[in-house]
Amino acid sequence: MEQYRIVAAKPKGATNHCNSSFKIFKWEIDPDDNVKKWMSKGWQTINQVSVLLQAGHEVRTGHVSAGKMNSGDAVELELRIVHNGTKFKISQMPDK
């Protein structure tokens, strides 16, 4: 299992408050000095984050301060309906 940290998030656009891009770091060996450290993987989509979670990797929030990674809570994904006024709410659907 590999370790990943999400340190930043961007929304789809000015009118969409849902985050769709996430800046990811991975704990891995730096090829320049052969030392294990947090390496930036750039901006990833929510689909890419989903793939990491499905593969069983550890994905947590994080914050880089003074060159050190401070790890936060575990990340999970959930399904939601776009509009609140829908007729068929996921939470009220039968489980059969």
Protein backbone atom coordinates (compact mmCIF):
# COMPACT_ATOMS: atom_id res chain seq x y z
CA MET A 1 0.00 0.00 0.00
CA GLU A 2 1.37 3.38 -0.98
CA GLN A 3 0.82 6.66 0.84
CA TYR A 4 -0.68 9.78 -0.74
CA ARG A 5 -1.59 13.22 0.64
CA ILE A 6 -4.00 15.79 -0.79
CA VAL A 7 -2.67 19.27 0.00
CA ALA A 8 -4.84 21.53 -2.21
CA ALA A 9 -8.17 21.46 -4.05
CA LYS A 10 -9.64 23.44 -6.96
CA PRO A 11 -13.30 23.75 -8.01
CA LYS A 12 -14.49 23.04 -11.56
CA GLY A 13 -15.11 26.71 -12.23
CA ALA A 14 -16.15 30.05 -10.76
CA THR A 15 -19.80 29.01 -10.38
CA ASN A 16 -19.25 25.42 -9.21
CA HIS A 17 -18.29 25.01 -5.54
CA CYS A 18 -17.51 21.28 -5.87
CA ASN A 19 -13.80 20.51 -5.96
CA SER A 20 -12.70 18.52 -8.98
CA SER A 21 -8.88 18.77 -9.01
CA PHE A 22 -6.57 17.86 -6.16
CA LYS A 23 -2.84 18.46 -5.65
CA ILE A 24 -1.33 15.13 -4.60
CA PHE A 25 1.94 14.14 -2.97
CA LYS A 26 3.26 10.57 -2.82
CA TRP A 27 5.75 9.08 -0.33
CA GLU A 28 8.41 7.64 -2.62
CA ILE A 29 12.11 7.53 -3.44
CA ASP A 30 13.43 10.72 -5.06
CA PRO A 31 15.44 9.58 -8.11
CA ASP A 32 17.80 12.58 -7.72
CA ASP A 33 19.17 11.61 -4.30
CA ASN A 34 17.74 8.11 -3.71
CA VAL A 35 16.03 9.27 -0.49
CA LYS A 36 12.38 8.60 0.36
CA LYS A 37 10.36 11.80 0.63
CA TRP A 38 7.03 13.38 -0.29
CA MET A 39 7.07 13.94 -4.05
CA SER A 40 4.52 16.10 -5.86
CA LYS A 41 2.36 14.24 -8.37
CA GLY A 42 0.72 17.47 -9.54
CA TRP A 43 -2.99 18.06 -9.95
CA GLN A 44 -5.14 14.93 -10.18
CA THR A 45 -8.83 14.52 -11.00
CA ILE A 46 -11.39 13.05 -8.62
CA ASN A 47 -11.39 9.97 -10.87
CA GLN A 48 -7.66 9.52 -10.28
CA VAL A 49 -8.17 9.86 -6.51
CA SER A 50 -10.92 7.23 -6.76
CA VAL A 51 -8.51 4.82 -8.48
CA LEU A 52 -6.01 5.25 -5.61
CA LEU A 53 -8.69 4.51 -3.03
CA GLN A 54 -10.05 1.51 -4.96
CA ALA A 55 -6.53 0.07 -5.14
CA GLY A 56 -6.33 0.21 -1.33
CA HIS A 57 -3.75 2.98 -1.05
CA GLU A 58 -3.69 5.30 1.95
CA VAL A 59 -5.05 8.70 0.91
CA ARG A 60 -5.18 11.43 3.57
CA THR A 61 -5.33 15.19 3.71
CA GLY A 62 -2.06 16.97 4.35
CA HIS A 63 -0.31 20.30 4.72
CA VAL A 64 3.28 21.14 3.83
CA SER A 65 4.90 23.46 6.37
CA ALA A 66 8.61 24.27 6.65
CA GLY A 67 9.39 21.49 4.17
CA LYS A 68 7.60 18.87 6.30
CA MET A 69 4.37 17.02 5.48
CA ASN A 70 1.76 17.16 8.23
CA SER A 71 -0.81 14.41 7.68
CA GLY A 72 -4.51 14.86 8.33
CA ASP A 73 -7.56 12.64 8.10
CA ALA A 74 -8.32 9.76 5.77
CA VAL A 75 -10.12 10.60 2.52
CA GLU A 76 -13.25 8.88 1.25
CA LEU A 77 -15.56 9.50 -1.70
CA GLU A 78 -19.33 9.61 -1.67
CA LEU A 79 -22.07 9.78 -4.25
CA ARG A 80 -24.47 12.71 -4.14
CA ILE A 81 -27.33 14.07 -6.18
CA VAL A 82 -26.67 17.36 -7.97
CA HIS A 83 -29.95 19.03 -6.96
CA ASN A 84 -31.47 18.97 -3.47
CA GLY A 85 -35.06 18.99 -4.76
CA THR A 86 -34.93 15.64 -6.52
CA LYS A 87 -37.84 13.22 -6.38
CA PHE A 88 -35.66 10.16 -5.81
CA LYS A 89 -33.22 10.69 -2.94
CA ILE A 90 -30.40 8.17 -2.67
CA SER A 91 -30.77 8.00 1.13
CA GLN A 92 -34.41 6.93 0.73
CA MET A 93 -33.91 4.25 -1.95
CA PRO A 94 -34.58 0.63 -1.02
CA ASP A 95 -31.63 -1.67 -0.44
CA LYS A 96 -33.18 -4.56 -2.38
